[in-house]
Amino acid sequence: YPSWAPTCPPRLTQQPWRLLYCTGRDGFSLRSLYRCGGQRGSPALLLIRDTEAQAFGAFSATAIRCSNGFYGTGETFLFSFSPELKVFRWTGRNNFFMKGDVDLLMVGGGSGRFGLWLDGDLHHGGSHPCETFDNETLSPREEFCVQDLEVWGPA
C-alpha cells in the first residue's frame, strides 16, 4: 500500500497496490492513461506533482476512463499535501465526480469550475474550488504544469 496514499475506503486499505501508469515510463498522454488506468470496476489513485513540487490528486472508486458523461461514486475525493495531507470529500451537492475525453479529464465540478482538470497531453492542468468537493485550490496556482503523474490501482 503506497505510504503517501490518503485514507481510502476501508475495503481497499488491506490490499496491495501497484503502479498502473506513470509519465516517466509511459509518456505524457491522456489516451495512454485511459489504456493503462485499470479495470473498469477497480478503484484508482491519481497522484500529480507539479513543477513547483506540490503533490495532489484524486481517488476514484472506479477506473479512470473515457466517458460521455460524469461517472463515479461518493467515495471519490480530492487531496493535497501542503505540507500536510488535506482530503476533500463529496459534499452531496452534485454527482460531478469524473468525466474524461481525449482532450480533457475533469474531477469535480459545478458552476463551470472543476476541482481538478488535466489536458490531453497531461502537461497542463488546473484546480478550482468546486461544489462537488468544496475543495481548496490543490496547487499553488489555479493553473499548473505537470512534472510527474502516476495512477495506482489494486494489484
N, C-alpha and C. Protein backbone atom coordinates (compact mmCIF):
# COMPACT_ATOMS: atom_id res chain seq x y z
N TYR A 1 0.86 -1.19 0.00
CA TYR A 1 0.00 0.00 0.00
C TYR A 1 0.89 1.23 0.00
N PRO A 2 0.74 2.12 -0.97
CA PRO A 2 1.63 3.28 -1.04
C PRO A 2 1.56 4.12 0.24
N SER A 3 2.71 4.48 0.77
CA SER A 3 2.76 5.20 2.04
C SER A 3 2.12 6.57 1.94
N TRP A 4 2.09 7.17 0.73
CA TRP A 4 1.51 8.51 0.57
C TRP A 4 0.01 8.47 0.32
N ALA A 5 -0.55 7.26 0.17
CA ALA A 5 -1.97 7.17 -0.17
C ALA A 5 -2.83 7.63 1.00
N PRO A 6 -3.74 8.54 0.74
CA PRO A 6 -4.60 9.01 1.83
C PRO A 6 -5.63 7.95 2.22
N THR A 7 -6.43 8.29 3.17
CA THR A 7 -7.40 7.35 3.70
C THR A 7 -8.40 6.94 2.63
N CYS A 8 -8.28 5.71 2.17
CA CYS A 8 -9.20 5.17 1.18
C CYS A 8 -10.31 4.41 1.90
N PRO A 9 -11.37 4.02 1.18
CA PRO A 9 -12.40 3.19 1.82
C PRO A 9 -11.77 1.97 2.48
N PRO A 10 -12.26 1.59 3.67
CA PRO A 10 -11.65 0.51 4.44
C PRO A 10 -11.42 -0.78 3.66
N ARG A 11 -12.33 -1.11 2.73
CA ARG A 11 -12.19 -2.36 1.97
C ARG A 11 -10.94 -2.36 1.11
N LEU A 12 -10.34 -1.19 0.87
CA LEU A 12 -9.19 -1.11 -0.02
C LEU A 12 -7.86 -0.98 0.71
N THR A 13 -7.89 -0.70 2.01
CA THR A 13 -6.63 -0.41 2.69
C THR A 13 -5.80 -1.65 2.95
N GLN A 14 -6.40 -2.82 2.89
CA GLN A 14 -5.65 -4.06 3.17
C GLN A 14 -5.02 -4.68 1.94
N GLN A 15 -5.42 -4.25 0.74
CA GLN A 15 -4.87 -4.91 -0.44
C GLN A 15 -3.65 -4.19 -0.99
N PRO A 16 -2.74 -4.95 -1.61
CA PRO A 16 -1.57 -4.31 -2.20
C PRO A 16 -1.95 -3.47 -3.43
N TRP A 17 -1.21 -2.41 -3.65
CA TRP A 17 -1.44 -1.53 -4.79
C TRP A 17 -0.24 -1.62 -5.72
N ARG A 18 -0.48 -1.33 -7.01
CA ARG A 18 0.61 -1.33 -7.97
C ARG A 18 0.50 -0.11 -8.88
N LEU A 19 1.63 0.27 -9.43
CA LEU A 19 1.68 1.41 -10.34
C LEU A 19 1.14 0.97 -11.70
N LEU A 20 0.05 1.59 -12.15
CA LEU A 20 -0.57 1.25 -13.43
C LEU A 20 -0.03 2.13 -14.56
N TYR A 21 0.24 3.38 -14.24
CA TYR A 21 0.65 4.34 -15.26
C TYR A 21 1.55 5.39 -14.62
N CYS A 22 2.61 5.76 -15.29
CA CYS A 22 3.39 6.92 -14.85
C CYS A 22 4.00 7.60 -16.07
N THR A 23 4.05 8.93 -16.02
CA THR A 23 4.52 9.69 -17.17
C THR A 23 5.99 9.39 -17.47
N GLY A 24 6.78 9.10 -16.44
CA GLY A 24 8.20 8.80 -16.65
C GLY A 24 8.41 7.55 -17.48
N ARG A 25 7.51 6.58 -17.36
CA ARG A 25 7.63 5.30 -18.06
C ARG A 25 6.75 5.26 -19.31
N ASP A 26 5.54 5.81 -19.20
CA ASP A 26 4.52 5.63 -20.25
C ASP A 26 4.30 6.86 -21.12
N GLY A 27 4.99 7.97 -20.81
CA GLY A 27 4.84 9.17 -21.62
C GLY A 27 3.68 10.04 -21.15
N PHE A 28 3.59 11.24 -21.72
CA PHE A 28 2.56 12.20 -21.36
C PHE A 28 1.40 12.11 -22.34
N SER A 29 0.39 11.33 -22.04
CA SER A 29 -0.75 11.18 -22.94
C SER A 29 -1.97 10.70 -22.17
N LEU A 30 -3.04 11.46 -22.25
CA LEU A 30 -4.29 11.08 -21.59
C LEU A 30 -4.84 9.78 -22.19
N ARG A 31 -4.67 9.59 -23.50
CA ARG A 31 -5.10 8.33 -24.14
C ARG A 31 -4.39 7.12 -23.52
N SER A 32 -3.07 7.26 -23.30
CA SER A 32 -2.31 6.16 -22.67
C SER A 32 -2.77 5.93 -21.24
N LEU A 33 -3.06 7.01 -20.52
CA LEU A 33 -3.56 6.88 -19.15
C LEU A 33 -4.85 6.06 -19.15
N TYR A 34 -5.76 6.37 -20.07
CA TYR A 34 -7.02 5.60 -20.14
C TYR A 34 -6.76 4.13 -20.44
N ARG A 35 -5.79 3.85 -21.33
CA ARG A 35 -5.49 2.46 -21.67
C ARG A 35 -4.93 1.70 -20.48
N CYS A 36 -4.10 2.36 -19.67
CA CYS A 36 -3.41 1.70 -18.55
C CYS A 36 -4.16 1.84 -17.23
N GLY A 37 -5.23 2.61 -17.24
CA GLY A 37 -5.85 3.08 -16.00
C GLY A 37 -6.61 2.07 -15.16
N GLY A 38 -6.48 0.79 -15.45
CA GLY A 38 -7.09 -0.22 -14.58
C GLY A 38 -8.37 -0.79 -15.15
N GLN A 39 -8.85 -1.84 -14.49
CA GLN A 39 -10.09 -2.48 -14.92
C GLN A 39 -11.27 -1.63 -14.51
N ARG A 40 -12.33 -1.71 -15.28
CA ARG A 40 -13.46 -0.80 -15.14
C ARG A 40 -14.02 -0.73 -13.72
N GLY A 41 -14.12 -1.86 -13.04
CA GLY A 41 -14.69 -1.84 -11.69
C GLY A 41 -13.70 -1.56 -10.58
N SER A 42 -12.43 -1.35 -10.95
CA SER A 42 -11.39 -1.17 -9.93
C SER A 42 -11.16 0.29 -9.59
N PRO A 43 -10.82 0.57 -8.36
CA PRO A 43 -10.53 1.95 -7.96
C PRO A 43 -9.18 2.41 -8.51
N ALA A 44 -8.97 3.71 -8.49
CA ALA A 44 -7.71 4.28 -8.98
C ALA A 44 -7.33 5.48 -8.13
N LEU A 45 -6.04 5.62 -7.92
CA LEU A 45 -5.50 6.77 -7.20
C LEU A 45 -4.63 7.54 -8.17
N LEU A 46 -5.00 8.79 -8.42
CA LEU A 46 -4.28 9.66 -9.34
C LEU A 46 -3.40 10.59 -8.51
N LEU A 47 -2.10 10.57 -8.76
CA LEU A 47 -1.16 11.39 -8.00
C LEU A 47 -0.39 12.28 -8.96
N ILE A 48 -0.39 13.59 -8.66
CA ILE A 48 0.25 14.57 -9.53
C ILE A 48 1.30 15.34 -8.73
N ARG A 49 2.44 15.58 -9.34
CA ARG A 49 3.41 16.52 -8.78
C ARG A 49 3.60 17.60 -9.83
N ASP A 50 3.39 18.86 -9.44
CA ASP A 50 3.53 19.94 -10.41
C ASP A 50 4.98 20.46 -10.41
N THR A 51 5.25 21.41 -11.29
CA THR A 51 6.61 21.91 -11.45
C THR A 51 7.06 22.77 -10.26
N GLU A 52 6.15 23.06 -9.33
CA GLU A 52 6.52 23.75 -8.09
C GLU A 52 6.65 22.77 -6.93
N ALA A 53 6.71 21.47 -7.26
CA ALA A 53 6.91 20.37 -6.29
C ALA A 53 5.73 20.20 -5.33
N GLN A 54 4.55 20.69 -5.71
CA GLN A 54 3.35 20.46 -4.91
C GLN A 54 2.74 19.12 -5.34
N ALA A 55 2.32 18.30 -4.39
CA ALA A 55 1.72 16.99 -4.69
C ALA A 55 0.24 17.03 -4.33
N PHE A 56 -0.59 16.47 -5.21
CA PHE A 56 -2.04 16.45 -5.00
C PHE A 56 -2.64 15.43 -5.96
N GLY A 57 -3.94 15.20 -5.84
CA GLY A 57 -4.55 14.25 -6.75
C GLY A 57 -5.98 13.92 -6.38
N ALA A 58 -6.39 12.73 -6.83
CA ALA A 58 -7.78 12.31 -6.65
C ALA A 58 -7.84 10.81 -6.47
N PHE A 59 -8.83 10.37 -5.68
CA PHE A 59 -9.14 8.96 -5.57
C PHE A 59 -10.48 8.73 -6.25
N SER A 60 -10.54 7.70 -7.08
CA SER A 60 -11.79 7.33 -7.74
C SER A 60 -12.11 5.88 -7.41
N ALA A 61 -13.35 5.62 -7.05
CA ALA A 61 -13.76 4.25 -6.73
C ALA A 61 -13.86 3.39 -7.98
N THR A 62 -13.83 4.03 -9.15
CA THR A 62 -13.88 3.30 -10.42
C THR A 62 -12.69 3.71 -11.28
N ALA A 63 -12.31 2.87 -12.24
CA ALA A 63 -11.16 3.14 -13.10
C ALA A 63 -11.34 4.46 -13.85
N ILE A 64 -10.23 5.15 -14.09
CA ILE A 64 -10.25 6.40 -14.85
C ILE A 64 -10.39 6.03 -16.32
N ARG A 65 -11.42 6.56 -16.96
CA ARG A 65 -11.71 6.13 -18.33
C ARG A 65 -12.31 7.27 -19.14
N CYS A 66 -12.38 7.07 -20.44
CA CYS A 66 -13.03 7.99 -21.35
C CYS A 66 -14.55 7.82 -21.18
N SER A 67 -15.29 8.92 -21.17
CA SER A 67 -16.74 8.81 -20.92
C SER A 67 -17.48 9.95 -21.60
N ASN A 68 -18.75 9.70 -21.88
CA ASN A 68 -19.61 10.76 -22.44
C ASN A 68 -20.13 11.67 -21.34
N GLY A 69 -20.44 11.09 -20.19
CA GLY A 69 -20.96 11.87 -19.08
C GLY A 69 -20.13 11.64 -17.83
N PHE A 70 -20.59 12.22 -16.74
CA PHE A 70 -19.89 12.03 -15.47
C PHE A 70 -20.13 10.62 -14.93
N TYR A 71 -19.13 10.09 -14.25
CA TYR A 71 -19.23 8.77 -13.64
C TYR A 71 -18.56 8.82 -12.27
N GLY A 72 -18.70 7.74 -11.51
CA GLY A 72 -18.06 7.68 -10.20
C GLY A 72 -19.08 7.61 -9.09
N THR A 73 -18.57 7.57 -7.86
CA THR A 73 -19.43 7.43 -6.68
C THR A 73 -19.01 8.45 -5.63
N GLY A 74 -19.78 8.51 -4.56
CA GLY A 74 -19.49 9.40 -3.45
C GLY A 74 -18.23 9.06 -2.68
N GLU A 75 -17.59 7.93 -3.04
CA GLU A 75 -16.30 7.60 -2.42
C GLU A 75 -15.16 8.41 -3.05
N THR A 76 -15.42 9.05 -4.18
CA THR A 76 -14.41 9.86 -4.86
C THR A 76 -14.02 11.03 -3.97
N PHE A 77 -12.73 11.38 -3.94
CA PHE A 77 -12.31 12.58 -3.22
C PHE A 77 -11.05 13.16 -3.84
N LEU A 78 -10.80 14.42 -3.52
CA LEU A 78 -9.58 15.11 -3.91
C LEU A 78 -8.69 15.24 -2.68
N PHE A 79 -7.37 15.39 -2.90
CA PHE A 79 -6.47 15.58 -1.77
C PHE A 79 -5.26 16.39 -2.20
N SER A 80 -4.60 16.99 -1.21
CA SER A 80 -3.35 17.70 -1.45
C SER A 80 -2.44 17.53 -0.25
N PHE A 81 -1.16 17.73 -0.49
CA PHE A 81 -0.16 17.73 0.58
C PHE A 81 0.44 19.14 0.59
N SER A 82 0.09 19.94 1.60
CA SER A 82 0.56 21.34 1.55
C SER A 82 0.82 21.96 2.92
N PRO A 83 1.80 21.54 3.71
CA PRO A 83 2.61 20.33 3.52
C PRO A 83 1.93 19.10 4.10
N GLU A 84 0.87 19.30 4.90
CA GLU A 84 0.20 18.13 5.48
C GLU A 84 -0.94 17.68 4.57
N LEU A 85 -1.36 16.45 4.75
CA LEU A 85 -2.45 15.90 3.94
C LEU A 85 -3.77 16.60 4.24
N LYS A 86 -4.44 17.04 3.17
CA LYS A 86 -5.81 17.56 3.28
C LYS A 86 -6.67 16.75 2.33
N VAL A 87 -7.81 16.28 2.81
CA VAL A 87 -8.73 15.48 2.00
C VAL A 87 -10.04 16.24 1.84
N PHE A 88 -10.55 16.28 0.61
CA PHE A 88 -11.81 16.97 0.30
C PHE A 88 -12.80 15.94 -0.21
N ARG A 89 -13.79 15.63 0.63
CA ARG A 89 -14.75 14.57 0.33
C ARG A 89 -16.02 15.14 -0.31
N TRP A 90 -16.81 14.24 -0.85
CA TRP A 90 -18.05 14.59 -1.54
C TRP A 90 -18.99 15.37 -0.62
N THR A 91 -19.52 16.47 -1.13
CA THR A 91 -20.45 17.30 -0.35
C THR A 91 -21.90 16.82 -0.48
N GLY A 92 -22.20 16.04 -1.53
CA GLY A 92 -23.58 15.64 -1.79
C GLY A 92 -24.35 16.64 -2.64
N ARG A 93 -23.73 17.77 -3.00
CA ARG A 93 -24.43 18.82 -3.76
C ARG A 93 -24.68 18.46 -5.22
N ASN A 94 -23.79 17.65 -5.80
CA ASN A 94 -23.98 17.19 -7.18
C ASN A 94 -23.23 15.87 -7.36
N ASN A 95 -23.37 15.27 -8.53
CA ASN A 95 -22.70 14.00 -8.82
C ASN A 95 -21.66 14.15 -9.92
N PHE A 96 -20.99 15.30 -9.96
CA PHE A 96 -19.99 15.56 -10.99
C PHE A 96 -18.64 15.01 -10.53
N PHE A 97 -18.53 13.68 -10.43
CA PHE A 97 -17.31 13.09 -9.88
C PHE A 97 -16.16 13.11 -10.88
N MET A 98 -16.32 12.40 -12.00
CA MET A 98 -15.26 12.33 -13.00
C MET A 98 -15.86 12.31 -14.40
N LYS A 99 -15.13 12.89 -15.34
CA LYS A 99 -15.53 12.86 -16.74
C LYS A 99 -14.28 13.04 -17.57
N GLY A 100 -14.15 12.27 -18.64
CA GLY A 100 -12.95 12.40 -19.44
C GLY A 100 -13.17 12.11 -20.91
N ASP A 101 -12.55 12.92 -21.76
CA ASP A 101 -12.46 12.60 -23.18
C ASP A 101 -10.99 12.70 -23.56
N VAL A 102 -10.66 12.62 -24.85
CA VAL A 102 -9.24 12.59 -25.24
C VAL A 102 -8.54 13.92 -24.99
N ASP A 103 -9.30 15.00 -24.82
CA ASP A 103 -8.70 16.33 -24.65
C ASP A 103 -8.70 16.83 -23.21
N LEU A 104 -9.50 16.21 -22.33
CA LEU A 104 -9.68 16.78 -21.00
C LEU A 104 -10.17 15.71 -20.02
N LEU A 105 -9.54 15.67 -18.84
CA LEU A 105 -10.01 14.86 -17.73
C LEU A 105 -10.43 15.81 -16.62
N MET A 106 -11.65 15.64 -16.10
CA MET A 106 -12.18 16.53 -15.06
C MET A 106 -12.58 15.73 -13.84
N VAL A 107 -12.27 16.26 -12.66
CA VAL A 107 -12.69 15.66 -11.40
C VAL A 107 -13.38 16.74 -10.59
N GLY A 108 -14.66 16.53 -10.29
CA GLY A 108 -15.42 17.51 -9.53
C GLY A 108 -15.85 18.67 -10.40
N GLY A 109 -17.00 19.25 -10.09
CA GLY A 109 -17.48 20.36 -10.89
C GLY A 109 -18.61 21.11 -10.23
N GLY A 110 -19.22 21.97 -11.04
CA GLY A 110 -20.31 22.81 -10.58
C GLY A 110 -20.02 24.26 -10.93
N SER A 111 -21.02 24.95 -11.49
CA SER A 111 -20.90 26.37 -11.86
C SER A 111 -19.71 26.62 -12.80
N GLY A 112 -19.41 25.66 -13.66
CA GLY A 112 -18.36 25.83 -14.66
C GLY A 112 -16.94 25.76 -14.12
N ARG A 113 -16.78 25.29 -12.88
CA ARG A 113 -15.45 25.19 -12.29
C ARG A 113 -15.17 23.73 -11.94
N PHE A 114 -13.94 23.30 -12.17
CA PHE A 114 -13.56 21.91 -11.91
C PHE A 114 -12.58 21.84 -10.75
N GLY A 115 -12.79 20.87 -9.87
CA GLY A 115 -11.89 20.68 -8.74
C GLY A 115 -10.48 20.38 -9.21
N LEU A 116 -10.40 19.58 -10.28
CA LEU A 116 -9.11 19.22 -10.87
C LEU A 116 -9.35 18.91 -12.34
N TRP A 117 -8.51 19.45 -13.22
CA TRP A 117 -8.59 19.08 -14.64
C TRP A 117 -7.20 18.93 -15.21
N LEU A 118 -7.10 18.08 -16.22
CA LEU A 118 -5.85 17.84 -16.93
C LEU A 118 -6.12 17.87 -18.43
N ASP A 119 -5.17 18.41 -19.20
CA ASP A 119 -5.38 18.45 -20.65
C ASP A 119 -4.94 17.14 -21.30
N GLY A 120 -5.15 17.03 -22.59
CA GLY A 120 -4.93 15.78 -23.31
C GLY A 120 -3.50 15.31 -23.36
N ASP A 121 -2.53 16.25 -23.28
CA ASP A 121 -1.13 15.81 -23.29
C ASP A 121 -0.55 15.73 -21.87
N LEU A 122 -1.40 15.91 -20.88
CA LEU A 122 -1.04 15.80 -19.46
C LEU A 122 0.08 16.77 -19.05
N HIS A 123 0.30 17.81 -19.81
CA HIS A 123 1.32 18.80 -19.42
C HIS A 123 0.73 19.92 -18.58
N HIS A 124 -0.53 20.24 -18.80
CA HIS A 124 -1.16 21.35 -18.09
C HIS A 124 -2.43 20.89 -17.38
N GLY A 125 -2.72 21.57 -16.30
CA GLY A 125 -3.94 21.27 -15.55
C GLY A 125 -4.35 22.47 -14.73
N GLY A 126 -5.39 22.28 -13.98
CA GLY A 126 -5.87 23.36 -13.13
C GLY A 126 -6.68 22.81 -11.97
N SER A 127 -6.89 23.67 -10.99
CA SER A 127 -7.69 23.30 -9.83
C SER A 127 -8.42 24.53 -9.33
N HIS A 128 -9.71 24.37 -9.09
CA HIS A 128 -10.55 25.46 -8.60
C HIS A 128 -11.46 24.91 -7.51
N PRO A 129 -11.85 25.74 -6.56
CA PRO A 129 -12.89 25.28 -5.62
C PRO A 129 -14.13 24.87 -6.42
N CYS A 130 -14.75 23.73 -6.05
CA CYS A 130 -15.93 23.28 -6.79
C CYS A 130 -16.97 22.75 -5.82
N GLU A 131 -18.22 22.71 -6.28
CA GLU A 131 -19.34 22.29 -5.43
C GLU A 131 -19.28 20.83 -5.04
N THR A 132 -18.72 19.99 -5.91
CA THR A 132 -18.70 18.54 -5.64
C THR A 132 -17.94 18.23 -4.35
N PHE A 133 -16.80 18.90 -4.14
CA PHE A 133 -15.93 18.57 -3.01
C PHE A 133 -15.68 19.73 -2.05
N ASP A 134 -16.17 20.94 -2.38
CA ASP A 134 -15.93 22.12 -1.56
C ASP A 134 -14.44 22.22 -1.21
N ASN A 135 -13.60 22.00 -2.22
CA ASN A 135 -12.15 21.92 -2.03
C ASN A 135 -11.48 23.28 -2.13
N GLU A 136 -10.30 23.35 -1.57
CA GLU A 136 -9.40 24.48 -1.82
C GLU A 136 -8.73 24.22 -3.17
N THR A 137 -8.07 25.24 -3.72
CA THR A 137 -7.23 25.04 -4.90
C THR A 137 -6.10 24.10 -4.49
N LEU A 138 -5.93 22.99 -5.22
CA LEU A 138 -4.99 21.95 -4.82
C LEU A 138 -3.54 22.34 -5.05
N SER A 139 -3.29 23.16 -6.07
CA SER A 139 -1.94 23.57 -6.43
C SER A 139 -1.75 25.04 -6.01
N PRO A 140 -0.49 25.49 -5.92
CA PRO A 140 -0.24 26.88 -5.53
C PRO A 140 -0.88 27.88 -6.50
N ARG A 141 -0.98 27.51 -7.77
CA ARG A 141 -1.63 28.38 -8.77
C ARG A 141 -2.86 27.65 -9.30
N GLU A 142 -3.85 28.40 -9.79
CA GLU A 142 -5.07 27.77 -10.30
C GLU A 142 -4.78 26.96 -11.57
N GLU A 143 -3.75 27.35 -12.32
CA GLU A 143 -3.30 26.54 -13.46
C GLU A 143 -1.87 26.13 -13.20
N PHE A 144 -1.54 24.88 -13.50
CA PHE A 144 -0.22 24.36 -13.17
C PHE A 144 0.34 23.56 -14.34
N CYS A 145 1.66 23.30 -14.26
CA CYS A 145 2.33 22.42 -15.22
C CYS A 145 2.68 21.12 -14.50
N VAL A 146 2.43 20.00 -15.17
CA VAL A 146 2.66 18.69 -14.56
C VAL A 146 4.13 18.30 -14.70
N GLN A 147 4.73 17.91 -13.57
CA GLN A 147 6.10 17.37 -13.59
C GLN A 147 6.02 15.84 -13.72
N ASP A 148 5.26 15.21 -12.82
CA ASP A 148 5.07 13.75 -12.82
C ASP A 148 3.61 13.45 -12.54
N LEU A 149 3.13 12.36 -13.13
CA LEU A 149 1.77 11.91 -12.86
C LEU A 149 1.79 10.40 -12.78
N GLU A 150 1.11 9.86 -11.78
CA GLU A 150 1.02 8.40 -11.59
C GLU A 150 -0.43 8.02 -11.34
N VAL A 151 -0.78 6.81 -11.79
CA VAL A 151 -2.05 6.19 -11.44
C VAL A 151 -1.75 4.85 -10.79
N TRP A 152 -2.31 4.65 -9.59
CA TRP A 152 -2.14 3.41 -8.84
C TRP A 152 -3.47 2.69 -8.76
N GLY A 153 -3.43 1.37 -8.75
CA GLY A 153 -4.64 0.56 -8.61
C GLY A 153 -4.33 -0.71 -7.81
N PRO A 154 -5.37 -1.40 -7.38
CA PRO A 154 -5.16 -2.65 -6.63
C PRO A 154 -4.37 -3.66 -7.47
N ALA A 155 -3.46 -4.35 -6.84
CA ALA A 155 -2.64 -5.33 -7.54
C ALA A 155 -3.46 -6.57 -7.89
